[in-house]
Protein backbone atom coordinates (compact mmCIF):
# COMPACT_ATOMS: atom_id res chain seq x y z
CA UNK A 1 4.33 38.29 29.89
CA UNK A 2 4.15 36.09 32.60
CA UNK A 3 4.07 32.68 32.81
CA UNK A 4 0.92 31.96 32.43
CA UNK A 5 0.64 34.65 28.92
CA UNK A 6 3.70 32.28 27.82
CA UNK A 7 1.87 29.08 28.22
CA UNK A 8 -1.15 30.25 26.45
CA UNK A 9 1.25 31.88 23.79
CA UNK A 10 3.11 28.90 23.50
CA UNK A 11 -0.14 26.76 22.91
CA UNK A 12 -1.61 28.92 19.84
CA UNK A 13 1.77 28.63 18.37
CA UNK A 14 1.63 24.41 18.57
CA UNK A 15 -2.22 24.82 17.56
CA UNK A 16 -1.04 27.13 14.81
CA UNK A 17 2.26 25.12 13.71
CA UNK A 18 1.53 23.34 10.28
CA UNK A 19 4.90 20.94 11.30
CA UNK A 20 6.97 20.09 14.83
CA UNK A 21 8.00 23.25 16.58
CA UNK A 22 11.27 23.03 18.02
CA UNK A 23 12.30 23.83 21.61
CA UNK A 24 14.82 26.09 20.60
CA UNK A 25 12.68 27.85 17.97
CA UNK A 26 10.19 28.25 20.54
CA UNK A 27 12.56 29.48 23.28
CA UNK A 28 13.63 32.18 21.10
CA UNK A 29 10.24 33.54 19.96
CA UNK A 30 9.08 33.55 23.64
CA UNK A 31 12.34 35.24 24.96
CA UNK A 32 13.39 31.97 27.54
CA UNK A 33 15.57 29.35 27.86
CA UNK A 34 14.61 26.48 25.94
CA UNK A 35 14.73 24.52 29.62
CA UNK A 36 11.73 26.76 30.25
CA UNK A 37 9.70 25.17 27.20
CA UNK A 38 10.20 22.02 28.52
CA UNK A 39 8.82 23.11 31.49
CA UNK A 40 5.52 24.81 29.77
CA UNK A 41 4.89 21.62 27.84
CA UNK A 42 4.74 19.62 31.24
CA UNK A 43 2.37 22.13 32.97
CA UNK A 44 0.25 22.36 29.81
CA UNK A 45 0.18 18.50 29.45
CA UNK A 46 -0.32 17.88 33.23
CA UNK A 47 -3.54 19.95 32.63
CA UNK A 48 -4.83 17.80 29.86
CA UNK A 49 -2.85 19.66 27.05
CA UNK A 50 -1.77 16.86 23.89
CA UNK A 51 1.32 17.46 23.17
CA UNK A 52 3.64 15.43 21.70
CA UNK A 53 7.63 15.57 21.60
CA UNK A 54 8.73 14.40 18.90
CA UNK A 55 12.45 14.37 16.77
CA UNK A 56 11.38 17.63 15.27
CA UNK A 57 10.32 19.40 18.50
CA UNK A 58 6.54 19.90 19.69
CA UNK A 59 3.55 19.03 18.36
CA UNK A 60 -0.05 18.82 18.93
CA UNK A 61 -1.34 15.35 18.93
CA UNK A 62 -4.00 14.78 15.86
CA UNK A 63 -7.30 14.64 17.24
CA UNK A 64 -8.54 12.16 14.26
CA UNK A 65 -5.35 9.47 14.66
CA UNK A 66 -5.34 6.46 16.46
CA UNK A 67 -9.49 7.48 16.22
CA UNK A 68 -10.87 4.50 15.00
CA UNK A 69 -14.72 4.04 13.39
CA UNK A 70 -15.81 1.02 14.41
CA UNK A 71 -19.40 -0.03 12.73
CA UNK A 72 -21.00 -3.58 12.52
CA UNK A 73 -23.30 -3.57 9.11
CA UNK A 74 -26.36 -5.68 8.61
CA UNK A 75 -25.40 -7.07 5.28
CA UNK A 76 -28.65 -9.86 3.45
CA UNK A 77 -28.72 -11.53 -0.34
CA UNK A 78 -31.06 -13.75 -1.06
CA UNK A 79 -28.83 -16.24 -3.06
CA UNK A 80 -25.23 -15.20 -1.71
CA UNK A 81 -22.60 -17.71 -3.41
CA UNK A 82 -19.17 -17.53 -3.26
CA UNK A 83 -18.27 -14.93 -6.00
CA UNK A 84 -21.01 -12.19 -4.01
CA UNK A 85 -19.32 -13.22 -0.98
CA UNK A 86 -15.65 -12.42 -2.34
CA UNK A 87 -17.13 -9.43 -3.43
CA UNK A 88 -18.68 -7.99 -0.71
CA UNK A 89 -15.71 -8.87 1.16
CA UNK A 90 -13.52 -6.78 -1.32
CA UNK A 91 -15.60 -3.61 -1.28
CA UNK A 92 -14.68 -3.43 2.47
CA UNK A 93 -11.33 -3.66 2.62
CA UNK A 94 -10.89 -1.48 -1.36
CA UNK A 95 -11.98 1.59 0.91
CA UNK A 96 -10.58 1.49 3.70
CA UNK A 97 -12.26 -0.76 5.93
CA UNK A 98 -10.64 -3.66 8.03
CA UNK A 99 -13.29 -6.59 8.29
CA UNK A 100 -12.71 -8.25 11.49
CA UNK A 101 -15.69 -11.10 11.78
CA UNK A 102 -19.11 -11.75 10.62
CA UNK A 103 -21.92 -12.43 13.29
CA UNK A 104 -25.09 -14.67 12.40
CA UNK A 105 -27.74 -14.88 14.22
CA UNK A 106 -29.89 -18.62 13.75
CA UNK A 107 -33.05 -19.49 15.39
CA UNK A 108 -31.51 -23.10 16.44
CA UNK A 109 -27.85 -22.57 16.80
CA UNK A 110 -27.86 -19.05 18.49
CA UNK A 111 -25.33 -16.21 17.47
CA UNK A 112 -22.36 -17.47 15.75
CA UNK A 113 -18.93 -15.39 15.62
CA UNK A 114 -16.84 -15.70 12.99
CA UNK A 115 -13.41 -13.75 13.31
CA UNK A 116 -11.80 -13.02 10.01
CA UNK A 117 -9.17 -10.33 10.17
CA UNK A 118 -9.33 -9.32 6.48
CA UNK A 119 -7.25 -6.21 5.85
CA UNK A 120 -6.54 -6.06 1.93
CA UNK A 121 -7.17 -8.19 -1.54
CA UNK A 122 -4.91 -10.86 -0.25
CA UNK A 123 -6.56 -11.58 2.71
CA UNK A 124 -9.80 -11.84 1.21
CA UNK A 125 -8.35 -14.15 -1.50
CA UNK A 126 -7.14 -16.32 1.01
CA UNK A 127 -9.70 -16.50 3.07
CA UNK A 128 -12.20 -17.66 0.05
CA UNK A 129 -9.22 -20.54 -1.00
CA UNK A 130 -9.74 -21.57 2.42
CA UNK A 131 -13.46 -21.25 1.87
CA UNK A 132 -13.87 -22.65 -1.26
CA UNK A 133 -10.89 -25.86 -0.46
CA UNK A 134 -13.54 -27.23 2.38
CA UNK A 135 -16.10 -27.19 -0.82
CA UNK A 136 -19.08 -26.77 1.64
CA UNK A 137 -21.65 -24.73 1.96
CA UNK A 138 -21.59 -21.23 3.12
CA UNK A 139 -22.69 -20.03 6.49
CA UNK A 140 -24.48 -17.47 5.32
CA UNK A 141 -27.09 -19.89 3.92
CA UNK A 142 -28.22 -20.94 7.20
CA UNK A 143 -29.70 -17.56 7.72
CA UNK A 144 -30.33 -16.97 4.34
CA UNK A 145 -28.20 -14.90 3.23
CA UNK A 146 -28.05 -12.38 6.74
CA UNK A 147 -25.08 -11.92 8.32
CA UNK A 148 -23.59 -8.48 10.16
CA UNK A 149 -19.92 -7.32 8.83
CA UNK A 150 -18.06 -5.85 12.18
CA UNK A 151 -15.88 -3.11 10.33
CA UNK A 152 -13.44 -0.59 11.22
CA UNK A 153 -11.77 2.02 9.41
CA UNK A 154 -9.87 5.16 9.89
CA UNK A 155 -12.10 7.56 9.55
CA UNK A 156 -15.71 8.21 8.71
CA UNK A 157 -15.41 8.91 4.95
CA UNK A 158 -13.79 5.34 4.58
CA UNK A 159 -16.50 4.20 6.45
CA UNK A 160 -18.99 6.04 4.54
CA UNK A 161 -17.12 5.04 1.09
CA UNK A 162 -17.48 0.92 1.85
CA UNK A 163 -21.07 1.67 2.78
CA UNK A 164 -21.46 3.30 -0.67
CA UNK A 165 -19.93 0.62 -1.98
CA UNK A 166 -22.10 -2.26 -0.35
CA UNK A 167 -25.51 -0.77 -0.82
CA UNK A 168 -24.47 -0.37 -4.48
CA UNK A 169 -24.09 -4.06 -4.79
CA UNK A 170 -27.94 -4.59 -2.92
CA UNK A 171 -26.30 -5.41 0.33
CA UNK A 172 -26.54 -3.19 2.51
CA UNK A 173 -29.91 -3.60 4.71
CA UNK A 174 -30.56 0.06 5.93
CA UNK A 175 -30.38 0.36 10.02
CA UNK A 176 -33.83 1.08 11.59
CA UNK A 177 -33.26 4.70 11.09
CA UNK A 178 -32.53 4.78 7.23
CA UNK A 179 -35.52 2.94 6.57
CA UNK A 180 -38.40 4.94 4.87
CA UNK A 181 -41.66 4.33 4.77
CA UNK A 182 -44.25 4.10 1.75
């Protein structure tokens, strides 16, 4: 087996491996020294292959790891009160979402952005406690309940779950491509 074939075989083993494969194991299977494996991994990486070195061996980088899903979700409630806002925020965090902020668009005041960074029910509760302490109107009253949540999830499934939760509450406004005509 020549160098190119060996590197191809090494990469196939990493693709099929469920767990990290040690340099010692790879060197035995491919009948070369561990140092050759180190060099082959370096060459594969220089060619764009995403190979991670861990304490337990080599493995391919998970294509979904570190890949977040961001979306701005348009929501509306005609009579939103603090309890409904809290329920809305909890639906997002309960389904794996992070709420980075809320954006409102007002005819006079323009674009209003509110940083939130809510990761959990505890964060939501603390946010709502601060809001209730101020005893003011909800800012969504300025826009008749229309607002956009900037949400991040770890994967598409979490994003779909939280969207379904918001739909179930009657808060999610479908985007133009999702609207149906009568």
